[in-house]
């Protein structure tokens, strides 16, 4: 009689387990993978999230599988464990997702931050005819980051009074007041230059 009771309890336990509505994880191996998006453009410093959808040979979606993310050009973009990609420098990087030997790739194009502000230092200076002085230009992004490696075009508003070279050095030509402009990616700043006459030679 005791063995019959144990059998009934065991049967009831199996019945409850089989009647549980919780999903049973699909243990089939990964057969295909889709990475979304398969290509994306971002600005250096920004991030984007890539996702990987895994399916078995029957086309059923597989959850809770480990996915490894790597960048084939880590100088341009780095890939985190969750598929989060950060742009580091202008260029193109191939991001690869791998799970159980199945891989898929996405292309991430990283563009340079745009120049949002041009700042000349100092904002004014005084020199005498024949002498020179230099301006320093600082380029900033919209986020306030300092940008380098950008083309800066210099110009004098009156070359009779003063001229400026490609490095921002100004030479006084004649007495007067003029402006020196630095331009980068359509953003400009102008500083004033006052040119005085040569100091009289004391006798």
Protein backbone atom coordinates (compact mmCIF):
# COMPACT_ATOMS: atom_id res chain seq x y z
CA UNK A 1 0.00 0.00 0.00
CA UNK A 2 2.88 2.38 0.86
CA UNK A 3 4.48 1.84 -2.59
CA UNK A 4 1.13 2.66 -4.25
CA UNK A 5 0.96 5.98 -2.38
CA UNK A 6 4.49 6.86 -3.43
CA UNK A 7 3.61 6.07 -7.05
CA UNK A 8 0.55 8.34 -6.87
CA UNK A 9 2.63 11.21 -5.39
CA UNK A 10 5.30 10.77 -8.08
CA UNK A 11 2.64 10.77 -10.82
CA UNK A 12 1.08 13.92 -9.39
CA UNK A 13 4.47 15.66 -9.32
CA UNK A 14 5.14 14.80 -12.98
CA UNK A 15 1.64 15.96 -13.94
CA UNK A 16 2.15 19.32 -12.21
CA UNK A 17 5.53 19.79 -13.86
CA UNK A 18 4.12 19.03 -17.30
CA UNK A 19 1.13 21.28 -16.71
CA UNK A 20 3.33 24.32 -15.84
CA UNK A 21 2.64 27.15 -18.28
CA UNK A 22 6.21 28.54 -18.07
CA UNK A 23 8.01 28.36 -21.45
CA UNK A 24 10.63 25.72 -22.04
CA UNK A 25 13.84 27.17 -23.45
CA UNK A 26 14.61 26.06 -27.01
CA UNK A 27 17.88 24.17 -26.71
CA UNK A 28 18.44 23.88 -30.46
CA UNK A 29 21.71 25.41 -31.69
CA UNK A 30 21.89 28.80 -33.37
CA UNK A 31 21.48 28.44 -37.14
CA UNK A 32 21.04 32.02 -38.35
CA UNK A 33 21.61 35.52 -37.04
CA UNK A 34 20.32 38.93 -38.10
CA UNK A 35 22.02 42.13 -36.89
CA UNK A 36 19.91 45.30 -36.84
CA UNK A 37 20.68 47.77 -38.24
CA UNK A 38 23.11 46.28 -40.74
CA UNK A 39 24.60 49.72 -41.40
CA UNK A 40 24.47 52.97 -39.47
CA UNK A 41 26.14 56.39 -39.52
CA UNK A 42 27.10 58.20 -36.31
CA UNK A 43 29.28 61.12 -35.24
CA UNK A 44 32.50 60.54 -33.31
CA UNK A 45 31.74 60.47 -29.60
CA UNK A 46 28.17 59.28 -30.14
CA UNK A 47 26.84 55.76 -29.48
CA UNK A 48 24.41 53.45 -31.25
CA UNK A 49 22.88 50.12 -30.23
CA UNK A 50 23.07 47.04 -32.46
CA UNK A 51 20.83 44.04 -31.76
CA UNK A 52 21.20 40.41 -32.80
CA UNK A 53 18.23 38.13 -33.48
CA UNK A 54 19.08 34.43 -33.28
CA UNK A 55 17.04 31.61 -34.82
CA UNK A 56 17.36 27.83 -34.97
CA UNK A 57 17.11 25.70 -38.10
CA UNK A 58 13.31 25.71 -37.83
CA UNK A 59 13.18 29.51 -37.77
CA UNK A 60 12.28 29.74 -34.10
CA UNK A 61 13.72 32.69 -32.19
CA UNK A 62 16.33 31.79 -29.60
CA UNK A 63 16.59 33.78 -26.39
CA UNK A 64 19.15 33.93 -23.61
CA UNK A 65 22.08 33.00 -25.84
CA UNK A 66 25.47 34.65 -25.39
CA UNK A 67 26.47 37.04 -28.19
CA UNK A 68 30.03 38.35 -28.56
CA UNK A 69 30.56 41.75 -30.21
CA UNK A 70 33.87 42.80 -31.73
CA UNK A 71 35.11 45.68 -33.88
CA UNK A 72 37.48 45.06 -36.77
CA UNK A 73 38.64 48.68 -36.57
CA UNK A 74 38.73 49.60 -32.90
CA UNK A 75 40.41 52.94 -33.65
CA UNK A 76 37.22 54.04 -35.44
CA UNK A 77 34.56 52.39 -33.25
CA UNK A 78 34.49 50.15 -30.20
CA UNK A 79 31.83 47.52 -29.49
CA UNK A 80 30.56 46.65 -26.01
CA UNK A 81 29.23 43.35 -24.74
CA UNK A 82 25.61 44.47 -25.12
CA UNK A 83 25.98 45.61 -28.74
CA UNK A 84 26.53 49.25 -27.80
CA UNK A 85 28.91 50.83 -30.31
CA UNK A 86 30.78 54.10 -29.71
CA UNK A 87 32.31 56.18 -32.49
CA UNK A 88 35.91 57.14 -31.73
CA UNK A 89 37.28 58.74 -34.90
CA UNK A 90 36.21 59.34 -38.51
CA UNK A 91 36.20 56.21 -40.67
CA UNK A 92 34.36 52.95 -41.24
CA UNK A 93 34.33 49.98 -38.87
CA UNK A 94 32.90 46.49 -39.30
CA UNK A 95 31.18 45.22 -36.16
CA UNK A 96 30.84 41.43 -35.87
CA UNK A 97 28.34 39.58 -33.67
CA UNK A 98 29.07 35.91 -32.94
CA UNK A 99 27.02 33.26 -31.14
CA UNK A 100 27.71 29.51 -31.13
CA UNK A 101 29.93 29.79 -34.17
CA UNK A 102 27.44 31.82 -36.23
CA UNK A 103 28.46 35.38 -37.14
CA UNK A 104 26.89 38.39 -38.78
CA UNK A 105 28.26 41.86 -39.45
CA UNK A 106 27.16 45.48 -39.48
CA UNK A 107 28.91 48.51 -40.94
CA UNK A 108 29.33 51.61 -38.79
CA UNK A 109 30.41 54.83 -40.50
CA UNK A 110 31.79 57.45 -38.12
CA UNK A 111 31.95 61.08 -39.23
CA UNK A 112 33.81 63.94 -37.62
CA UNK A 113 32.10 66.33 -35.22
CA UNK A 114 31.08 69.57 -36.87
CA UNK A 115 32.66 72.84 -35.84
CA UNK A 116 30.13 74.81 -33.79
CA UNK A 117 32.31 77.65 -32.55
CA UNK A 118 35.54 79.40 -33.55
CA UNK A 119 37.31 81.40 -30.85
CA UNK A 120 40.26 83.73 -31.48
CA UNK A 121 42.66 84.58 -28.68
CA UNK A 122 43.27 87.40 -27.93
CA UNK A 123 40.15 89.15 -29.20
CA UNK A 124 42.24 92.24 -30.05
CA UNK A 125 45.89 93.24 -30.24
CA UNK A 126 48.07 96.22 -31.08
CA UNK A 127 51.26 96.18 -33.11
CA UNK A 128 53.38 98.72 -34.91
CA UNK A 129 54.11 98.91 -38.61
CA UNK A 130 56.54 96.15 -39.58
CA UNK A 131 55.99 94.11 -36.42
CA UNK A 132 53.98 90.91 -36.08
CA UNK A 133 51.89 89.02 -33.55
CA UNK A 134 49.97 85.76 -33.63
CA UNK A 135 46.39 84.79 -32.89
CA UNK A 136 45.50 81.37 -31.47
CA UNK A 137 42.34 79.73 -32.80
CA UNK A 138 40.27 77.21 -30.83
CA UNK A 139 37.58 75.12 -32.52
CA UNK A 140 34.73 73.68 -30.46
CA UNK A 141 31.97 71.16 -31.14
CA UNK A 142 28.36 71.70 -30.10
CA UNK A 143 29.15 69.71 -26.95
CA UNK A 144 32.08 71.98 -26.12
CA UNK A 145 34.79 69.48 -27.12
CA UNK A 146 37.98 70.92 -28.58
CA UNK A 147 38.44 69.85 -32.21
CA UNK A 148 41.75 69.36 -33.96
CA UNK A 149 42.92 68.56 -37.45
CA UNK A 150 40.44 70.93 -39.13
CA UNK A 151 41.18 73.38 -41.92
CA UNK A 152 41.22 77.03 -40.84
CA UNK A 153 41.20 79.84 -43.39
CA UNK A 154 42.59 83.20 -42.31
CA UNK A 155 41.82 86.58 -43.85
CA UNK A 156 42.45 90.26 -43.20
CA UNK A 157 39.57 92.64 -43.77
CA UNK A 158 42.04 95.30 -44.93
CA UNK A 159 45.34 94.05 -46.29
CA UNK A 160 46.63 97.61 -46.64
CA UNK A 161 46.71 97.84 -42.85
CA UNK A 162 47.67 94.26 -41.94
CA UNK A 163 48.09 90.84 -43.49
CA UNK A 164 47.75 87.39 -41.91
CA UNK A 165 49.33 84.07 -42.90
CA UNK A 166 47.97 80.52 -42.73
CA UNK A 167 49.10 80.11 -39.10
CA UNK A 168 47.34 83.22 -37.76
CA UNK A 169 50.42 85.47 -37.61
CA UNK A 170 49.64 89.09 -38.42
CA UNK A 171 52.07 91.66 -39.84
CA UNK A 172 51.34 95.40 -39.60
CA UNK A 173 51.66 97.30 -42.88
CA UNK A 174 50.19 100.73 -42.26
CA UNK A 175 48.62 102.62 -39.35
CA UNK A 176 44.94 101.86 -38.86
CA UNK A 177 42.38 99.44 -37.51
CA UNK A 178 41.23 96.23 -39.21
CA UNK A 179 39.80 92.81 -38.48
CA UNK A 180 41.36 89.35 -38.77
CA UNK A 181 38.95 86.49 -39.47
CA UNK A 182 39.42 82.76 -38.91
CA UNK A 183 36.97 80.50 -40.77
CA UNK A 184 36.40 76.76 -40.34
CA UNK A 185 33.48 74.76 -41.76
CA UNK A 186 31.46 77.96 -42.38
CA UNK A 187 31.91 79.10 -38.73
CA UNK A 188 34.02 82.24 -38.18
CA UNK A 189 35.34 84.60 -35.54
CA UNK A 190 36.90 88.02 -36.03
CA UNK A 191 39.43 89.81 -33.84
CA UNK A 192 40.60 93.42 -34.08
CA UNK A 193 44.11 94.53 -34.95
CA UNK A 194 45.32 98.06 -34.39
CA UNK A 195 48.48 99.03 -36.22
CA UNK A 196 50.37 102.05 -34.86
CA UNK A 197 53.03 104.09 -36.58
CA UNK A 198 56.65 103.33 -35.92
CA UNK A 199 57.76 104.88 -32.69
CA UNK A 200 59.83 108.00 -33.34
CA UNK A 201 63.55 107.52 -32.96
CA UNK A 202 64.82 109.49 -29.99
CA UNK A 203 67.80 111.70 -30.66
